[in-house]
Amino acid sequence: MKPVEIYTSPLCGFCVAAKRLLRKKGVQFTEFDIWADPGRKPEMIQRAQGRTSVPQIFIGDTHVGGCDELHALDRAGKLDPLLAA
């Protein structure tokens, strides 16, 4: 399984929903809380090609995007192959 990284902030409902889906699938992920560690925010923005909202989700070298994109991949049946590839 590819490594999964997710940039989050507390009180973010979309972050909670994205992590819930990943946990439901049994995916272990590394979480970067940009409020607790503000130095991670510029890193996130650079990796996410200028996007500043959370969550920002990365599977291996692939930038998935946010919660909506993660759920769209799952509905389309493309998330499991991306995780496994």
PDB file of N, CA and C in Angstrom:
ATOM      1  N   MET A   1       0.849  -1.179   0.000  1.00  0.00           N
ATOM      2  CA  MET A   1       0.000   0.000   0.000  1.00  0.00           C
ATOM      3  C   MET A   1       0.893   1.240   0.000  1.00  0.00           C
ATOM      4  N   LYS A   2       0.523   2.209  -0.815  1.00  0.00           N
ATOM      5  CA  LYS A   2       1.284   3.456  -0.891  1.00  0.00           C
ATOM      6  C   LYS A   2       1.114   4.258   0.396  1.00  0.00           C
ATOM      7  N   PRO A   3       2.133   5.052   0.746  1.00  0.00           N
ATOM      8  CA  PRO A   3       1.978   5.912   1.919  1.00  0.00           C
ATOM      9  C   PRO A   3       0.942   7.004   1.650  1.00  0.00           C
ATOM     10  N   VAL A   4       0.170   7.312   2.678  1.00  0.00           N
ATOM     11  CA  VAL A   4      -0.868   8.338   2.573  1.00  0.00           C
ATOM     12  C   VAL A   4      -0.537   9.433   3.579  1.00  0.00           C
ATOM     13  N   GLU A   5      -0.584  10.674   3.096  1.00  0.00           N
ATOM     14  CA  GLU A   5      -0.346  11.832   3.955  1.00  0.00           C
ATOM     15  C   GLU A   5      -1.518  12.774   3.811  1.00  0.00           C
ATOM     16  N   ILE A   6      -1.939  13.340   4.939  1.00  0.00           N
ATOM     17  CA  ILE A   6      -3.077  14.254   4.922  1.00  0.00           C
ATOM     18  C   ILE A   6      -2.766  15.455   5.811  1.00  0.00           C
ATOM     19  N   TYR A   7      -2.910  16.632   5.235  1.00  0.00           N
ATOM     20  CA  TYR A   7      -2.746  17.882   5.969  1.00  0.00           C
ATOM     21  C   TYR A   7      -4.125  18.287   6.482  1.00  0.00           C
ATOM     22  N   THR A   8      -4.204  18.587   7.770  1.00  0.00           N
ATOM     23  CA  THR A   8      -5.489  18.863   8.407  1.00  0.00           C
ATOM     24  C   THR A   8      -5.380  20.065   9.339  1.00  0.00           C
ATOM     25  N   SER A   9      -6.529  20.446   9.876  1.00  0.00           N
ATOM     26  CA  SER A   9      -6.583  21.387  10.990  1.00  0.00           C
ATOM     27  C   SER A   9      -7.738  20.961  11.888  1.00  0.00           C
ATOM     28  N   PRO A  10      -7.662  21.317  13.177  1.00  0.00           N
ATOM     29  CA  PRO A  10      -8.734  20.937  14.085  1.00  0.00           C
ATOM     30  C   PRO A  10     -10.038  21.655  13.703  1.00  0.00           C
ATOM     31  N   LEU A  11     -11.125  21.072  14.071  1.00  0.00           N
ATOM     32  CA  LEU A  11     -12.458  21.629  13.836  1.00  0.00           C
ATOM     33  C   LEU A  11     -12.827  21.682  12.357  1.00  0.00           C
ATOM     34  N   CYS A  12     -12.137  20.931  11.524  1.00  0.00           N
ATOM     35  CA  CYS A  12     -12.417  20.880  10.091  1.00  0.00           C
ATOM     36  C   CYS A  12     -13.253  19.628   9.815  1.00  0.00           C
ATOM     37  N   GLY A  13     -14.525  19.837   9.508  1.00  0.00           N
ATOM     38  CA  GLY A  13     -15.421  18.712   9.245  1.00  0.00           C
ATOM     39  C   GLY A  13     -15.003  17.890   8.041  1.00  0.00           C
ATOM     40  N   PHE A  14     -14.447  18.551   7.018  1.00  0.00           N
ATOM     41  CA  PHE A  14     -13.993  17.816   5.833  1.00  0.00           C
ATOM     42  C   PHE A  14     -12.791  16.943   6.173  1.00  0.00           C
ATOM     43  N   CYS A  15     -11.932  17.423   7.067  1.00  0.00           N
ATOM     44  CA  CYS A  15     -10.788  16.626   7.519  1.00  0.00           C
ATOM     45  C   CYS A  15     -11.265  15.372   8.240  1.00  0.00           C
ATOM     46  N   VAL A  16     -12.248  15.550   9.105  1.00  0.00           N
ATOM     47  CA  VAL A  16     -12.812  14.425   9.854  1.00  0.00           C
ATOM     48  C   VAL A  16     -13.410  13.401   8.883  1.00  0.00           C
ATOM     49  N   ALA A  17     -14.151  13.871   7.889  1.00  0.00           N
ATOM     50  CA  ALA A  17     -14.793  12.971   6.927  1.00  0.00           C
ATOM     51  C   ALA A  17     -13.755  12.224   6.091  1.00  0.00           C
ATOM     52  N   ALA A  18     -12.701  12.909   5.676  1.00  0.00           N
ATOM     53  CA  ALA A  18     -11.662  12.253   4.881  1.00  0.00           C
ATOM     54  C   ALA A  18     -10.945  11.190   5.711  1.00  0.00           C
ATOM     55  N   LYS A  19     -10.602  11.512   6.944  1.00  0.00           N
ATOM     56  CA  LYS A  19      -9.929  10.540   7.809  1.00  0.00           C
ATOM     57  C   LYS A  19     -10.848   9.363   8.118  1.00  0.00           C
ATOM     58  N   ARG A  20     -12.146   9.633   8.269  1.00  0.00           N
ATOM     59  CA  ARG A  20     -13.102   8.563   8.534  1.00  0.00           C
ATOM     60  C   ARG A  20     -13.119   7.563   7.375  1.00  0.00           C
ATOM     61  N   LEU A  21     -13.142   8.066   6.142  1.00  0.00           N
ATOM     62  CA  LEU A  21     -13.148   7.175   4.981  1.00  0.00           C
ATOM     63  C   LEU A  21     -11.859   6.356   4.914  1.00  0.00           C
ATOM     64  N   LEU A  22     -10.734   7.007   5.139  1.00  0.00           N
ATOM     65  CA  LEU A  22      -9.466   6.276   5.101  1.00  0.00           C
ATOM     66  C   LEU A  22      -9.426   5.196   6.180  1.00  0.00           C
ATOM     67  N   ARG A  23      -9.867   5.533   7.383  1.00  0.00           N
ATOM     68  CA  ARG A  23      -9.875   4.542   8.470  1.00  0.00           C
ATOM     69  C   ARG A  23     -10.828   3.387   8.157  1.00  0.00           C
ATOM     70  N   LYS A  24     -11.978   3.711   7.562  1.00  0.00           N
ATOM     71  CA  LYS A  24     -12.956   2.680   7.191  1.00  0.00           C
ATOM     72  C   LYS A  24     -12.336   1.669   6.229  1.00  0.00           C
ATOM     73  N   LYS A  25     -11.438   2.150   5.385  1.00  0.00           N
ATOM     74  CA  LYS A  25     -10.765   1.293   4.425  1.00  0.00           C
ATOM     75  C   LYS A  25      -9.525   0.626   5.017  1.00  0.00           C
ATOM     76  N   GLY A  26      -9.238   0.900   6.274  1.00  0.00           N
ATOM     77  CA  GLY A  26      -8.080   0.298   6.929  1.00  0.00           C
ATOM     78  C   GLY A  26      -6.757   0.927   6.522  1.00  0.00           C
ATOM     79  N   VAL A  27      -6.808   2.149   6.036  1.00  0.00           N
ATOM     80  CA  VAL A  27      -5.610   2.839   5.558  1.00  0.00           C
ATOM     81  C   VAL A  27      -4.923   3.546   6.726  1.00  0.00           C
ATOM     82  N   GLN A  28      -3.651   3.279   6.890  1.00  0.00           N
ATOM     83  CA  GLN A  28      -2.864   4.033   7.855  1.00  0.00           C
ATOM     84  C   GLN A  28      -2.330   5.262   7.137  1.00  0.00           C
ATOM     85  N   PHE A  29      -2.340   6.387   7.811  1.00  0.00           N
ATOM     86  CA  PHE A  29      -1.901   7.626   7.179  1.00  0.00           C
ATOM     87  C   PHE A  29      -1.113   8.468   8.166  1.00  0.00           C
ATOM     88  N   THR A  30      -0.310   9.351   7.609  1.00  0.00           N
ATOM     89  CA  THR A  30       0.427  10.328   8.398  1.00  0.00           C
ATOM     90  C   THR A  30      -0.345  11.629   8.316  1.00  0.00           C
ATOM     91  N   GLU A  31      -0.646  12.185   9.470  1.00  0.00           N
ATOM     92  CA  GLU A  31      -1.423  13.425   9.538  1.00  0.00           C
ATOM     93  C   GLU A  31      -0.527  14.578   9.960  1.00  0.00           C
ATOM     94  N   PHE A  32      -0.630  15.680   9.220  1.00  0.00           N
ATOM     95  CA  PHE A  32       0.093  16.896   9.543  1.00  0.00           C
ATOM     96  C   PHE A  32      -0.932  17.964   9.909  1.00  0.00           C
ATOM     97  N   ASP A  33      -0.984  18.343  11.185  1.00  0.00           N
ATOM     98  CA  ASP A  33      -1.904  19.363  11.676  1.00  0.00           C
ATOM     99  C   ASP A  33      -1.242  20.723  11.474  1.00  0.00           C
ATOM    100  N   ILE A  34      -1.750  21.501  10.519  1.00  0.00           N
ATOM    101  CA  ILE A  34      -1.094  22.775  10.197  1.00  0.00           C
ATOM    102  C   ILE A  34      -1.343  23.863  11.242  1.00  0.00           C
ATOM    103  N   TRP A  35      -2.267  23.634  12.173  1.00  0.00           N
ATOM    104  CA  TRP A  35      -2.431  24.576  13.289  1.00  0.00           C
ATOM    105  C   TRP A  35      -1.405  24.284  14.370  1.00  0.00           C
ATOM    106  N   ALA A  36      -1.205  23.019  14.665  1.00  0.00           N
ATOM    107  CA  ALA A  36      -0.243  22.641  15.695  1.00  0.00           C
ATOM    108  C   ALA A  36       1.193  22.842  15.206  1.00  0.00           C
ATOM    109  N   ASP A  37       1.395  22.708  13.902  1.00  0.00           N
ATOM    110  CA  ASP A  37       2.724  22.854  13.307  1.00  0.00           C
ATOM    111  C   ASP A  37       2.612  23.779  12.092  1.00  0.00           C
ATOM    112  N   PRO A  38       2.537  25.119  12.339  1.00  0.00           N
ATOM    113  CA  PRO A  38       2.307  26.062  11.247  1.00  0.00           C
ATOM    114  C   PRO A  38       3.371  26.034  10.154  1.00  0.00           C
ATOM    115  N   GLY A  39       4.551  25.517  10.451  1.00  0.00           N
ATOM    116  CA  GLY A  39       5.597  25.408   9.442  1.00  0.00           C
ATOM    117  C   GLY A  39       5.231  24.452   8.316  1.00  0.00           C
ATOM    118  N   ARG A  40       4.255  23.606   8.562  1.00  0.00           N
ATOM    119  CA  ARG A  40       3.809  22.649   7.542  1.00  0.00           C
ATOM    120  C   ARG A  40       2.911  23.301   6.482  1.00  0.00           C
ATOM    121  N   LYS A  41       2.327  24.461   6.797  1.00  0.00           N
ATOM    122  CA  LYS A  41       1.387  25.069   5.847  1.00  0.00           C
ATOM    123  C   LYS A  41       2.060  25.463   4.530  1.00  0.00           C
ATOM    124  N   PRO A  42       3.211  26.160   4.550  1.00  0.00           N
ATOM    125  CA  PRO A  42       3.860  26.472   3.277  1.00  0.00           C
ATOM    126  C   PRO A  42       4.228  25.210   2.486  1.00  0.00           C
ATOM    127  N   GLU A  43       4.647  24.180   3.196  1.00  0.00           N
ATOM    128  CA  GLU A  43       4.958  22.896   2.556  1.00  0.00           C
ATOM    129  C   GLU A  43       3.724  22.341   1.860  1.00  0.00           C
ATOM    130  N   MET A  44       2.583  22.376   2.563  1.00  0.00           N
ATOM    131  CA  MET A  44       1.328  21.883   2.004  1.00  0.00           C
ATOM    132  C   MET A  44       0.954  22.679   0.755  1.00  0.00           C
ATOM    133  N   ILE A  45       1.041  23.999   0.840  1.00  0.00           N
ATOM    134  CA  ILE A  45       0.660  24.856  -0.285  1.00  0.00           C
ATOM    135  C   ILE A  45       1.531  24.557  -1.504  1.00  0.00           C
ATOM    136  N   GLN A  46       2.807  24.363  -1.272  1.00  0.00           N
ATOM    137  CA  GLN A  46       3.709  24.051  -2.380  1.00  0.00           C
ATOM    138  C   GLN A  46       3.361  22.690  -2.990  1.00  0.00           C
ATOM    139  N   ARG A  47       3.196  21.686  -2.145  1.00  0.00           N
ATOM    140  CA  ARG A  47       2.890  20.341  -2.644  1.00  0.00           C
ATOM    141  C   ARG A  47       1.537  20.297  -3.337  1.00  0.00           C
ATOM    142  N   ALA A  48       0.579  21.112  -2.846  1.00  0.00           N
ATOM    143  CA  ALA A  48      -0.781  21.106  -3.384  1.00  0.00           C
ATOM    144  C   ALA A  48      -0.953  22.133  -4.506  1.00  0.00           C
ATOM    145  N   GLN A  49       0.153  22.600  -5.065  1.00  0.00           N
ATOM    146  CA  GLN A  49       0.128  23.507  -6.212  1.00  0.00           C
ATOM    147  C   GLN A  49      -0.709  24.763  -5.940  1.00  0.00           C
ATOM    148  N   GLY A  50      -0.507  25.335  -4.750  1.00  0.00           N
ATOM    149  CA  GLY A  50      -1.145  26.597  -4.411  1.00  0.00           C
ATOM    150  C   GLY A  50      -2.443  26.489  -3.633  1.00  0.00           C
ATOM    151  N   ARG A  51      -2.956  25.294  -3.457  1.00  0.00           N
ATOM    152  CA  ARG A  51      -4.208  25.158  -2.700  1.00  0.00           C
ATOM    153  C   ARG A  51      -3.926  25.375  -1.219  1.00  0.00           C
ATOM    154  N   THR A  52      -4.799  26.142  -0.578  1.00  0.00           N
ATOM    155  CA  THR A  52      -4.576  26.515   0.826  1.00  0.00           C
ATOM    156  C   THR A  52      -5.584  25.899   1.779  1.00  0.00           C
ATOM    157  N   SER A  53      -6.614  25.242   1.263  1.00  0.00           N
ATOM    158  CA  SER A  53      -7.647  24.668   2.122  1.00  0.00           C
ATOM    159  C   SER A  53      -7.228  23.285   2.613  1.00  0.00           C
ATOM    160  N   VAL A  54      -7.803  22.887   3.718  1.00  0.00           N
ATOM    161  CA  VAL A  54      -7.575  21.538   4.244  1.00  0.00           C
ATOM    162  C   VAL A  54      -8.870  20.758   4.158  1.00  0.00           C
ATOM    163  N   PRO A  55      -8.791  19.456   4.046  1.00  0.00           N
ATOM    164  CA  PRO A  55      -7.564  18.670   3.968  1.00  0.00           C
ATOM    165  C   PRO A  55      -6.948  18.713   2.574  1.00  0.00           C
ATOM    166  N   GLN A  56      -5.664  18.426   2.531  1.00  0.00           N
ATOM    167  CA  GLN A  56      -4.963  18.142   1.285  1.00  0.00           C
ATOM    168  C   GLN A  56      -4.395  16.741   1.460  1.00  0.00           C
ATOM    169  N   ILE A  57      -4.728  15.876   0.527  1.00  0.00           N
ATOM    170  CA  ILE A  57      -4.439  14.451   0.667  1.00  0.00           C
ATOM    171  C   ILE A  57      -3.498  14.012  -0.446  1.00  0.00           C
ATOM    172  N   PHE A  58      -2.491  13.244  -0.048  1.00  0.00           N
ATOM    173  CA  PHE A  58      -1.504  12.706  -0.984  1.00  0.00           C
ATOM    174  C   PHE A  58      -1.430  11.193  -0.794  1.00  0.00           C
ATOM    175  N   ILE A  59      -1.510  10.480  -1.903  1.00  0.00           N
ATOM    176  CA  ILE A  59      -1.340   9.027  -1.897  1.00  0.00           C
ATOM    177  C   ILE A  59      -0.115   8.741  -2.747  1.00  0.00           C
ATOM    178  N   GLY A  60       0.956   8.316  -2.083  1.00  0.00           N
ATOM    179  CA  GLY A  60       2.224   8.191  -2.787  1.00  0.00           C
ATOM    180  C   GLY A  60       2.611   9.553  -3.335  1.00  0.00           C
ATOM    181  N   ASP A  61       2.930   9.604  -4.618  1.00  0.00           N
ATOM    182  CA  ASP A  61       3.297  10.871  -5.262  1.00  0.00           C
ATOM    183  C   ASP A  61       2.095  11.595  -5.846  1.00  0.00           C
ATOM    184  N   THR A  62       0.907  11.031  -5.697  1.00  0.00           N
ATOM    185  CA  THR A  62      -0.298  11.603  -6.300  1.00  0.00           C
ATOM    186  C   THR A  62      -1.001  12.558  -5.342  1.00  0.00           C
ATOM    187  N   HIS A  63      -1.228  13.787  -5.800  1.00  0.00           N
ATOM    188  CA  HIS A  63      -2.020  14.734  -5.026  1.00  0.00           C
ATOM    189  C   HIS A  63      -3.484  14.473  -5.348  1.00  0.00           C
ATOM    190  N   VAL A  64      -4.214  13.939  -4.389  1.00  0.00           N
ATOM    191  CA  VAL A  64      -5.629  13.620  -4.580  1.00  0.00           C
ATOM    192  C   VAL A  64      -6.468  14.888  -4.545  1.00  0.00           C
ATOM    193  N   GLY A  65      -6.125  15.806  -3.652  1.00  0.00           N
ATOM    194  CA  GLY A  65      -6.920  17.008  -3.439  1.00  0.00           C
ATOM    195  C   GLY A  65      -7.516  16.960  -2.056  1.00  0.00           C
ATOM    196  N   GLY A  66      -8.779  17.360  -1.959  1.00  0.00           N
ATOM    197  CA  GLY A  66      -9.446  17.419  -0.668  1.00  0.00           C
ATOM    198  C   GLY A  66     -10.413  16.272  -0.443  1.00  0.00           C
ATOM    199  N   CYS A  67     -11.287  16.480   0.523  1.00  0.00           N
ATOM    200  CA  CYS A  67     -12.257  15.465   0.926  1.00  0.00           C
ATOM    201  C   CYS A  67     -13.198  15.088  -0.223  1.00  0.00           C
ATOM    202  N   ASP A  68     -13.700  16.089  -0.936  1.00  0.00           N
ATOM    203  CA  ASP A  68     -14.635  15.808  -2.029  1.00  0.00           C
ATOM    204  C   ASP A  68     -13.984  14.946  -3.099  1.00  0.00           C
ATOM    205  N   GLU A  69     -12.742  15.250  -3.438  1.00  0.00           N
ATOM    206  CA  GLU A  69     -12.033  14.475  -4.450  1.00  0.00           C
ATOM    207  C   GLU A  69     -11.771  13.051  -3.966  1.00  0.00           C
ATOM    208  N   LEU A  70     -11.425  12.903  -2.686  1.00  0.00           N
ATOM    209  CA  LEU A  70     -11.194  11.574  -2.125  1.00  0.00           C
ATOM    210  C   LEU A  70     -12.456  10.727  -2.215  1.00  0.00           C
ATOM    211  N   HIS A  71     -13.597  11.302  -1.819  1.00  0.00           N
ATOM    212  CA  HIS A  71     -14.858  10.561  -1.877  1.00  0.00           C
ATOM    213  C   HIS A  71     -15.272  10.276  -3.321  1.00  0.00           C
ATOM    214  N   ALA A  72     -14.993  11.208  -4.236  1.00  0.00           N
ATOM    215  CA  ALA A  72     -15.318  10.984  -5.649  1.00  0.00           C
ATOM    216  C   ALA A  72     -14.506   9.820  -6.209  1.00  0.00           C
ATOM    217  N   LEU A  73     -13.231   9.734  -5.843  1.00  0.00           N
ATOM    218  CA  LEU A  73     -12.415   8.592  -6.269  1.00  0.00           C
ATOM    219  C   LEU A  73     -12.999   7.289  -5.749  1.00  0.00           C
ATOM    220  N   ASP A  74     -13.438   7.303  -4.490  1.00  0.00           N
ATOM    221  CA  ASP A  74     -14.009   6.095  -3.899  1.00  0.00           C
ATOM    222  C   ASP A  74     -15.292   5.693  -4.613  1.00  0.00           C
ATOM    223  N   ARG A  75     -16.175   6.652  -4.873  1.00  0.00           N
ATOM    224  CA  ARG A  75     -17.434   6.347  -5.564  1.00  0.00           C
ATOM    225  C   ARG A  75     -17.190   5.812  -6.975  1.00  0.00           C
ATOM    226  N   ALA A  76     -16.137   6.287  -7.613  1.00  0.00           N
ATOM    227  CA  ALA A  76     -15.819   5.862  -8.976  1.00  0.00           C
ATOM    228  C   ALA A  76     -15.052   4.538  -9.008  1.00  0.00           C
ATOM    229  N   GLY A  77     -14.752   3.988  -7.821  1.00  0.00           N
ATOM    230  CA  GLY A  77     -14.018   2.732  -7.766  1.00  0.00           C
ATOM    231  C   GLY A  77     -12.534   2.888  -8.060  1.00  0.00           C
ATOM    232  N   LYS A  78     -12.014   4.112  -7.965  1.00  0.00           N
ATOM    233  CA  LYS A  78     -10.617   4.363  -8.307  1.00  0.00           C
ATOM    234  C   LYS A  78      -9.706   4.525  -7.091  1.00  0.00           C
ATOM    235  N   LEU A  79     -10.290   4.626  -5.897  1.00  0.00           N
ATOM    236  CA  LEU A  79      -9.474   4.845  -4.713  1.00  0.00           C
ATOM    237  C   LEU A  79      -8.701   3.599  -4.321  1.00  0.00           C
ATOM    238  N   ASP A  80      -9.357   2.454  -4.271  1.00  0.00           N
ATOM    239  CA  ASP A  80      -8.659   1.219  -3.859  1.00  0.00           C
ATOM    240  C   ASP A  80      -7.485   0.903  -4.789  1.00  0.00           C
ATOM    241  N   PRO A  81      -7.658   0.981  -6.119  1.00  0.00           N
ATOM    242  CA  PRO A  81      -6.489   0.725  -6.989  1.00  0.00           C
ATOM    243  C   PRO A  81      -5.370   1.742  -6.782  1.00  0.00           C
ATOM    244  N   LEU A  82      -5.723   2.993  -6.517  1.00  0.00           N
ATOM    245  CA  LEU A  82      -4.697   4.005  -6.279  1.00  0.00           C
ATOM    246  C   LEU A  82      -3.921   3.707  -5.004  1.00  0.00           C
ATOM    247  N   LEU A  83      -4.627   3.273  -3.980  1.00  0.00           N
ATOM    248  CA  LEU A  83      -3.977   2.932  -2.719  1.00  0.00           C
ATOM    249  C   LEU A  83      -3.059   1.720  -2.871  1.00  0.00           C
ATOM    250  N   ALA A  84      -3.483   0.754  -3.673  1.00  0.00           N
ATOM    251  CA  ALA A  84      -2.773  -0.507  -3.792  1.00  0.00           C
ATOM    252  C   ALA A  84      -1.620  -0.458  -4.795  1.00  0.00           C
ATOM    253  N   ALA A  85      -1.728   0.412  -5.756  1.00  0.00           N
ATOM    254  CA  ALA A  85      -0.755   0.411  -6.872  1.00  0.00           C
ATOM    255  C   ALA A  85       0.665   0.651  -6.413  1.00  0.00           C
TER     256      ALA A  85
END
